[in-house]
Amino acid sequence: MVVKVLTHWTDLVEAMVDVVAEAREQLVVTGSRSREKAYLAAIETAVAQLPDLVHYRVLYGPPRHRAFADHLVRSLEMRDPAAPQRRQTLHMGMVEPAEALERFFVASETAAVVPVPAFHGAEGFDCGVLLSREAAVESGPP
């Protein structure tokens, strides 16, 4: 599989959770709207169980939902970026200005999921694209 189109919310969430669960080296997540419990729990589990996993979180403005804000607090409690350690494994940043168009994706060293606007209606992001490592290699420089 190089590219797979995800056309249902359950498939999208399952793919996002799988990308997180399979991460071993790095996990990059963007967005400030997440509130899906299984997805946020998968991130917290990965951060807790894999001390060498480098986790990057890019926010587009402040958290939009309480569940997401609580998730960020728990992440900081598990991996305080200011604590002395052999290397920093949690990086959080915010894109400014607040008017910047928000981007959503989750990626590891082996796969990525990019949510896209719904195919089924005008609201929401319940579809997406799952990209394997091969997709990145195939789209590289000529």
N, C-alpha and C. Protein backbone atom coordinates (compact mmCIF):
# COMPACT_ATOMS: atom_id res chain seq x y z
N MET A 1 0.84 -1.18 0.00
CA MET A 1 0.00 0.00 0.00
C MET A 1 0.88 1.24 0.00
N VAL A 2 0.65 2.11 -0.94
CA VAL A 2 1.37 3.38 -0.99
C VAL A 2 0.44 4.50 -0.52
N VAL A 3 -0.75 4.55 -1.08
CA VAL A 3 -1.74 5.54 -0.72
C VAL A 3 -3.09 4.84 -0.57
N LYS A 4 -3.81 5.16 0.49
CA LYS A 4 -5.14 4.61 0.70
C LYS A 4 -6.07 5.75 1.07
N VAL A 5 -7.19 5.86 0.38
CA VAL A 5 -8.18 6.88 0.68
C VAL A 5 -9.12 6.34 1.76
N LEU A 6 -9.31 7.12 2.79
CA LEU A 6 -10.17 6.76 3.92
C LEU A 6 -11.46 7.56 3.81
N THR A 7 -12.58 6.89 3.65
CA THR A 7 -13.83 7.61 3.36
C THR A 7 -14.82 7.59 4.52
N HIS A 8 -14.45 7.02 5.64
CA HIS A 8 -15.34 6.98 6.80
C HIS A 8 -14.58 7.39 8.05
N TRP A 9 -15.28 8.05 8.96
CA TRP A 9 -14.70 8.51 10.21
C TRP A 9 -14.00 7.39 10.97
N THR A 10 -14.63 6.23 11.07
CA THR A 10 -14.03 5.12 11.83
C THR A 10 -12.72 4.67 11.19
N ASP A 11 -12.66 4.64 9.86
CA ASP A 11 -11.42 4.26 9.18
C ASP A 11 -10.33 5.30 9.40
N LEU A 12 -10.72 6.57 9.41
CA LEU A 12 -9.76 7.65 9.63
C LEU A 12 -9.16 7.54 11.03
N VAL A 13 -9.99 7.40 12.03
CA VAL A 13 -9.50 7.30 13.41
C VAL A 13 -8.64 6.05 13.59
N GLU A 14 -9.07 4.94 13.04
CA GLU A 14 -8.29 3.71 13.15
C GLU A 14 -6.90 3.88 12.51
N ALA A 15 -6.83 4.51 11.36
CA ALA A 15 -5.54 4.74 10.70
C ALA A 15 -4.67 5.68 11.52
N MET A 16 -5.25 6.71 12.11
CA MET A 16 -4.48 7.65 12.94
C MET A 16 -3.92 6.93 14.17
N VAL A 17 -4.75 6.13 14.81
CA VAL A 17 -4.31 5.37 15.98
C VAL A 17 -3.21 4.39 15.58
N ASP A 18 -3.35 3.74 14.44
CA ASP A 18 -2.32 2.80 13.98
C ASP A 18 -0.99 3.48 13.72
N VAL A 19 -1.01 4.66 13.10
CA VAL A 19 0.24 5.39 12.86
C VAL A 19 0.93 5.70 14.18
N VAL A 20 0.16 6.15 15.15
CA VAL A 20 0.72 6.46 16.47
C VAL A 20 1.27 5.19 17.13
N ALA A 21 0.50 4.12 17.11
CA ALA A 21 0.90 2.88 17.78
C ALA A 21 2.15 2.27 17.15
N GLU A 22 2.36 2.49 15.87
CA GLU A 22 3.52 1.91 15.18
C GLU A 22 4.75 2.80 15.24
N ALA A 23 4.62 4.02 15.74
CA ALA A 23 5.77 4.93 15.83
C ALA A 23 6.79 4.39 16.83
N ARG A 24 8.04 4.42 16.47
CA ARG A 24 9.12 3.98 17.36
C ARG A 24 10.20 5.04 17.51
N GLU A 25 10.38 5.88 16.51
CA GLU A 25 11.45 6.87 16.52
C GLU A 25 10.92 8.30 16.66
N GLN A 26 9.90 8.61 15.86
CA GLN A 26 9.36 9.97 15.91
C GLN A 26 7.88 9.98 15.61
N LEU A 27 7.21 10.95 16.20
CA LEU A 27 5.78 11.14 16.02
C LEU A 27 5.54 12.64 15.85
N VAL A 28 4.96 13.02 14.72
CA VAL A 28 4.70 14.42 14.43
C VAL A 28 3.19 14.58 14.28
N VAL A 29 2.62 15.50 15.05
CA VAL A 29 1.18 15.71 15.05
C VAL A 29 0.92 17.21 14.96
N THR A 30 -0.03 17.57 14.09
CA THR A 30 -0.39 18.99 13.97
C THR A 30 -1.87 19.17 14.24
N GLY A 31 -2.23 20.38 14.60
CA GLY A 31 -3.63 20.72 14.82
C GLY A 31 -3.91 21.05 16.27
N SER A 32 -5.01 21.77 16.47
CA SER A 32 -5.42 22.21 17.82
C SER A 32 -6.87 21.85 18.11
N ARG A 33 -7.44 20.91 17.34
CA ARG A 33 -8.85 20.60 17.49
C ARG A 33 -9.13 19.17 17.94
N SER A 34 -8.13 18.36 18.06
CA SER A 34 -8.32 16.93 18.36
C SER A 34 -9.14 16.75 19.63
N ARG A 35 -10.04 15.77 19.58
CA ARG A 35 -10.80 15.42 20.77
C ARG A 35 -11.22 13.95 20.76
N GLU A 36 -10.76 13.21 19.75
CA GLU A 36 -11.07 11.79 19.66
C GLU A 36 -10.30 11.04 20.74
N LYS A 37 -11.02 10.44 21.67
CA LYS A 37 -10.41 9.82 22.86
C LYS A 37 -9.41 8.74 22.52
N ALA A 38 -9.75 7.85 21.59
CA ALA A 38 -8.85 6.74 21.25
C ALA A 38 -7.53 7.26 20.67
N TYR A 39 -7.61 8.28 19.85
CA TYR A 39 -6.43 8.87 19.23
C TYR A 39 -5.55 9.56 20.26
N LEU A 40 -6.14 10.39 21.11
CA LEU A 40 -5.36 11.08 22.14
C LEU A 40 -4.77 10.08 23.12
N ALA A 41 -5.51 9.04 23.47
CA ALA A 41 -5.00 8.00 24.37
C ALA A 41 -3.83 7.26 23.73
N ALA A 42 -3.90 7.00 22.44
CA ALA A 42 -2.80 6.32 21.75
C ALA A 42 -1.53 7.15 21.80
N ILE A 43 -1.66 8.46 21.62
CA ILE A 43 -0.48 9.35 21.71
C ILE A 43 0.11 9.30 23.12
N GLU A 44 -0.74 9.40 24.11
CA GLU A 44 -0.26 9.37 25.50
C GLU A 44 0.40 8.03 25.83
N THR A 45 -0.16 6.94 25.34
CA THR A 45 0.44 5.62 25.57
C THR A 45 1.81 5.54 24.92
N ALA A 46 1.93 6.00 23.69
CA ALA A 46 3.22 5.97 23.00
C ALA A 46 4.26 6.80 23.74
N VAL A 47 3.87 7.99 24.16
CA VAL A 47 4.80 8.87 24.88
C VAL A 47 5.23 8.22 26.21
N ALA A 48 4.29 7.58 26.89
CA ALA A 48 4.60 6.96 28.18
C ALA A 48 5.45 5.71 28.04
N GLN A 49 5.20 4.91 27.02
CA GLN A 49 5.86 3.61 26.90
C GLN A 49 7.16 3.63 26.11
N LEU A 50 7.39 4.67 25.35
CA LEU A 50 8.58 4.75 24.50
C LEU A 50 9.39 5.99 24.86
N PRO A 51 10.27 5.89 25.85
CA PRO A 51 10.99 7.08 26.31
C PRO A 51 11.90 7.72 25.27
N ASP A 52 12.31 6.98 24.23
CA ASP A 52 13.16 7.55 23.19
C ASP A 52 12.38 8.09 21.99
N LEU A 53 11.06 7.93 22.01
CA LEU A 53 10.23 8.46 20.93
C LEU A 53 10.27 9.98 20.99
N VAL A 54 10.64 10.60 19.89
CA VAL A 54 10.66 12.06 19.81
C VAL A 54 9.30 12.50 19.28
N HIS A 55 8.61 13.31 20.07
CA HIS A 55 7.24 13.73 19.75
C HIS A 55 7.21 15.22 19.48
N TYR A 56 6.72 15.57 18.29
CA TYR A 56 6.56 16.96 17.89
C TYR A 56 5.07 17.26 17.83
N ARG A 57 4.65 18.37 18.42
CA ARG A 57 3.24 18.80 18.39
C ARG A 57 3.23 20.24 17.91
N VAL A 58 2.57 20.48 16.78
CA VAL A 58 2.44 21.82 16.22
C VAL A 58 0.98 22.26 16.39
N LEU A 59 0.78 23.32 17.13
CA LEU A 59 -0.56 23.86 17.38
C LEU A 59 -0.83 25.02 16.43
N TYR A 60 -2.09 25.15 16.06
CA TYR A 60 -2.55 26.29 15.28
C TYR A 60 -3.48 27.07 16.19
N GLY A 61 -2.91 27.92 17.00
CA GLY A 61 -3.69 28.63 18.00
C GLY A 61 -3.87 27.75 19.23
N PRO A 62 -4.56 28.28 20.23
CA PRO A 62 -4.75 27.52 21.47
C PRO A 62 -5.68 26.32 21.25
N PRO A 63 -5.65 25.36 22.17
CA PRO A 63 -6.54 24.20 22.07
C PRO A 63 -8.00 24.65 21.95
N ARG A 64 -8.75 23.98 21.09
CA ARG A 64 -10.15 24.34 20.85
C ARG A 64 -11.13 23.55 21.73
N HIS A 65 -10.65 22.46 22.34
CA HIS A 65 -11.54 21.60 23.13
C HIS A 65 -10.86 21.23 24.44
N ARG A 66 -11.65 21.08 25.47
CA ARG A 66 -11.14 20.73 26.80
C ARG A 66 -10.37 19.41 26.79
N ALA A 67 -10.89 18.41 26.08
CA ALA A 67 -10.22 17.10 26.02
C ALA A 67 -8.81 17.24 25.46
N PHE A 68 -8.66 18.11 24.47
CA PHE A 68 -7.33 18.32 23.87
C PHE A 68 -6.41 19.07 24.82
N ALA A 69 -6.93 20.07 25.50
CA ALA A 69 -6.12 20.82 26.48
C ALA A 69 -5.64 19.88 27.58
N ASP A 70 -6.53 19.02 28.07
CA ASP A 70 -6.13 18.05 29.10
C ASP A 70 -5.06 17.10 28.58
N HIS A 71 -5.19 16.69 27.33
CA HIS A 71 -4.19 15.82 26.70
C HIS A 71 -2.81 16.51 26.68
N LEU A 72 -2.78 17.77 26.31
CA LEU A 72 -1.51 18.51 26.28
C LEU A 72 -0.88 18.58 27.67
N VAL A 73 -1.69 18.82 28.68
CA VAL A 73 -1.19 18.88 30.06
C VAL A 73 -0.58 17.53 30.44
N ARG A 74 -1.29 16.44 30.14
CA ARG A 74 -0.76 15.11 30.46
C ARG A 74 0.54 14.84 29.71
N SER A 75 0.63 15.26 28.46
CA SER A 75 1.85 15.08 27.68
C SER A 75 3.02 15.82 28.32
N LEU A 76 2.76 17.04 28.75
CA LEU A 76 3.81 17.83 29.41
C LEU A 76 4.21 17.22 30.75
N GLU A 77 3.28 16.63 31.45
CA GLU A 77 3.61 15.98 32.72
C GLU A 77 4.50 14.75 32.49
N MET A 78 4.26 14.04 31.40
CA MET A 78 5.07 12.85 31.10
C MET A 78 6.45 13.21 30.57
N ARG A 79 6.54 14.30 29.81
CA ARG A 79 7.79 14.67 29.15
C ARG A 79 8.00 16.16 29.23
N ASP A 80 8.35 16.65 30.37
CA ASP A 80 8.58 18.09 30.54
C ASP A 80 9.75 18.52 29.66
N PRO A 81 9.51 19.34 28.64
CA PRO A 81 10.60 19.75 27.75
C PRO A 81 11.68 20.57 28.46
N ALA A 82 11.38 21.13 29.62
CA ALA A 82 12.36 21.93 30.35
C ALA A 82 13.20 21.08 31.31
N ALA A 83 12.81 19.82 31.52
CA ALA A 83 13.54 18.96 32.46
C ALA A 83 14.88 18.55 31.86
N PRO A 84 15.91 18.46 32.71
CA PRO A 84 17.20 18.02 32.20
C PRO A 84 17.12 16.55 31.77
N GLN A 85 17.63 16.26 30.59
CA GLN A 85 17.64 14.90 30.07
C GLN A 85 18.73 14.79 29.02
N ARG A 86 19.02 13.57 28.63
CA ARG A 86 20.10 13.39 27.66
C ARG A 86 19.77 14.02 26.32
N ARG A 87 18.49 14.01 25.95
CA ARG A 87 18.04 14.73 24.76
C ARG A 87 16.55 15.06 24.91
N GLN A 88 16.15 16.13 24.31
CA GLN A 88 14.75 16.54 24.40
C GLN A 88 13.92 15.65 23.49
N THR A 89 12.83 15.11 24.04
CA THR A 89 11.98 14.21 23.27
C THR A 89 10.56 14.73 23.09
N LEU A 90 10.27 15.90 23.61
CA LEU A 90 8.97 16.52 23.40
C LEU A 90 9.20 17.95 22.92
N HIS A 91 8.63 18.25 21.77
CA HIS A 91 8.75 19.59 21.19
C HIS A 91 7.34 20.08 20.88
N MET A 92 6.97 21.22 21.44
CA MET A 92 5.66 21.82 21.16
C MET A 92 5.87 23.23 20.67
N GLY A 93 5.07 23.59 19.68
CA GLY A 93 5.14 24.94 19.16
C GLY A 93 3.79 25.37 18.63
N MET A 94 3.64 26.69 18.45
CA MET A 94 2.38 27.22 17.96
C MET A 94 2.64 28.08 16.73
N VAL A 95 1.86 27.86 15.69
CA VAL A 95 1.95 28.65 14.47
C VAL A 95 1.22 29.97 14.71
N GLU A 96 1.87 31.05 14.39
CA GLU A 96 1.28 32.38 14.50
C GLU A 96 1.31 33.00 13.11
N PRO A 97 0.47 33.83 12.73
CA PRO A 97 -0.62 34.39 13.50
C PRO A 97 -1.78 33.41 13.62
N ALA A 98 -2.70 33.75 14.48
CA ALA A 98 -3.84 32.88 14.74
C ALA A 98 -4.70 32.68 13.48
N GLU A 99 -4.59 33.58 12.52
CA GLU A 99 -5.37 33.46 11.29
C GLU A 99 -4.79 32.45 10.31
N ALA A 100 -3.61 31.90 10.60
CA ALA A 100 -2.98 30.94 9.70
C ALA A 100 -3.90 29.74 9.49
N LEU A 101 -3.94 29.26 8.26
CA LEU A 101 -4.79 28.12 7.92
C LEU A 101 -4.27 26.88 8.63
N GLU A 102 -5.14 26.26 9.40
CA GLU A 102 -4.75 25.09 10.19
C GLU A 102 -4.53 23.88 9.29
N ARG A 103 -3.46 23.14 9.57
CA ARG A 103 -3.14 21.91 8.86
C ARG A 103 -3.29 20.76 9.84
N PHE A 104 -3.75 19.63 9.34
CA PHE A 104 -3.93 18.46 10.19
C PHE A 104 -3.16 17.29 9.60
N PHE A 105 -2.36 16.63 10.41
CA PHE A 105 -1.80 15.34 10.03
C PHE A 105 -1.14 14.69 11.23
N VAL A 106 -0.93 13.40 11.11
CA VAL A 106 -0.15 12.64 12.08
C VAL A 106 0.81 11.79 11.26
N ALA A 107 2.08 11.78 11.67
CA ALA A 107 3.08 11.04 10.90
C ALA A 107 4.10 10.41 11.84
N SER A 108 4.60 9.28 11.41
CA SER A 108 5.70 8.61 12.10
C SER A 108 6.78 8.35 11.06
N GLU A 109 7.76 7.57 11.43
CA GLU A 109 8.82 7.23 10.50
C GLU A 109 8.36 6.23 9.43
N THR A 110 7.16 5.67 9.58
CA THR A 110 6.70 4.66 8.62
C THR A 110 5.42 5.02 7.87
N ALA A 111 4.63 5.96 8.35
CA ALA A 111 3.36 6.26 7.70
C ALA A 111 2.84 7.62 8.14
N ALA A 112 1.84 8.11 7.41
CA ALA A 112 1.21 9.38 7.76
C ALA A 112 -0.26 9.31 7.38
N VAL A 113 -1.08 10.05 8.14
CA VAL A 113 -2.49 10.21 7.83
C VAL A 113 -2.76 11.70 7.74
N VAL A 114 -3.42 12.09 6.66
CA VAL A 114 -3.80 13.48 6.45
C VAL A 114 -5.33 13.53 6.36
N PRO A 115 -6.00 14.03 7.40
CA PRO A 115 -7.46 14.22 7.30
C PRO A 115 -7.77 15.27 6.24
N VAL A 116 -8.88 15.06 5.54
CA VAL A 116 -9.31 16.00 4.51
C VAL A 116 -10.79 16.32 4.74
N PRO A 117 -11.27 17.42 4.15
CA PRO A 117 -12.69 17.74 4.30
C PRO A 117 -13.57 16.57 3.87
N ALA A 118 -14.71 16.49 4.48
CA ALA A 118 -15.63 15.38 4.26
C ALA A 118 -16.03 15.24 2.80
N PHE A 119 -16.10 13.99 2.33
CA PHE A 119 -16.64 13.70 1.01
C PHE A 119 -18.16 13.65 1.06
N HIS A 120 -18.70 13.50 2.29
CA HIS A 120 -20.12 13.23 2.48
C HIS A 120 -20.96 14.46 2.78
N GLY A 121 -20.34 15.61 2.94
CA GLY A 121 -21.08 16.81 3.28
C GLY A 121 -20.15 17.99 3.40
N ALA A 122 -20.69 19.13 3.74
CA ALA A 122 -19.92 20.36 3.77
C ALA A 122 -19.16 20.57 5.08
N GLU A 123 -19.47 19.84 6.12
CA GLU A 123 -18.85 20.07 7.43
C GLU A 123 -17.93 18.92 7.82
N GLY A 124 -16.92 19.25 8.59
CA GLY A 124 -16.10 18.24 9.23
C GLY A 124 -14.97 17.70 8.39
N PHE A 125 -14.12 16.96 9.05
CA PHE A 125 -12.97 16.29 8.46
C PHE A 125 -13.10 14.82 8.83
N ASP A 126 -13.93 14.08 8.09
CA ASP A 126 -14.16 12.68 8.45
C ASP A 126 -13.59 11.71 7.42
N CYS A 127 -12.78 12.22 6.52
CA CYS A 127 -12.13 11.40 5.51
C CYS A 127 -10.63 11.71 5.56
N GLY A 128 -9.84 10.95 4.83
CA GLY A 128 -8.42 11.24 4.85
C GLY A 128 -7.65 10.39 3.86
N VAL A 129 -6.34 10.56 3.91
CA VAL A 129 -5.43 9.81 3.06
C VAL A 129 -4.37 9.19 3.97
N LEU A 130 -4.16 7.90 3.82
CA LEU A 130 -3.10 7.18 4.53
C LEU A 130 -1.95 7.00 3.56
N LEU A 131 -0.78 7.47 3.94
CA LEU A 131 0.42 7.39 3.10
C LEU A 131 1.44 6.48 3.78
N SER A 132 1.97 5.54 3.02
CA SER A 132 3.01 4.68 3.56
C SER A 132 4.37 5.34 3.33
N ARG A 133 5.39 4.75 3.89
CA ARG A 133 6.77 5.24 3.71
C ARG A 133 7.11 5.28 2.22
N GLU A 134 6.62 4.30 1.47
CA GLU A 134 6.91 4.23 0.03
C GLU A 134 6.35 5.44 -0.71
N ALA A 135 5.24 5.99 -0.24
CA ALA A 135 4.68 7.18 -0.88
C ALA A 135 5.65 8.34 -0.80
N ALA A 136 6.33 8.49 0.32
CA ALA A 136 7.31 9.57 0.47
C ALA A 136 8.52 9.34 -0.43
N VAL A 137 8.96 8.10 -0.53
CA VAL A 137 10.11 7.76 -1.38
C VAL A 137 9.77 7.97 -2.83
N GLU A 138 8.57 7.53 -3.25
CA GLU A 138 8.17 7.66 -4.65
C GLU A 138 7.98 9.10 -5.07
N SER A 139 7.62 9.98 -4.14
CA SER A 139 7.39 11.36 -4.51
C SER A 139 8.62 12.23 -4.28
N GLY A 140 9.73 11.62 -3.98
CA GLY A 140 10.97 12.36 -3.72
C GLY A 140 11.51 12.99 -4.99
N PRO A 141 12.68 13.64 -4.88
CA PRO A 141 13.27 14.33 -6.03
C PRO A 141 13.55 13.34 -7.16
N PRO A 142 13.47 13.82 -8.41
CA PRO A 142 13.72 12.95 -9.57
C PRO A 142 15.14 12.49 -9.64
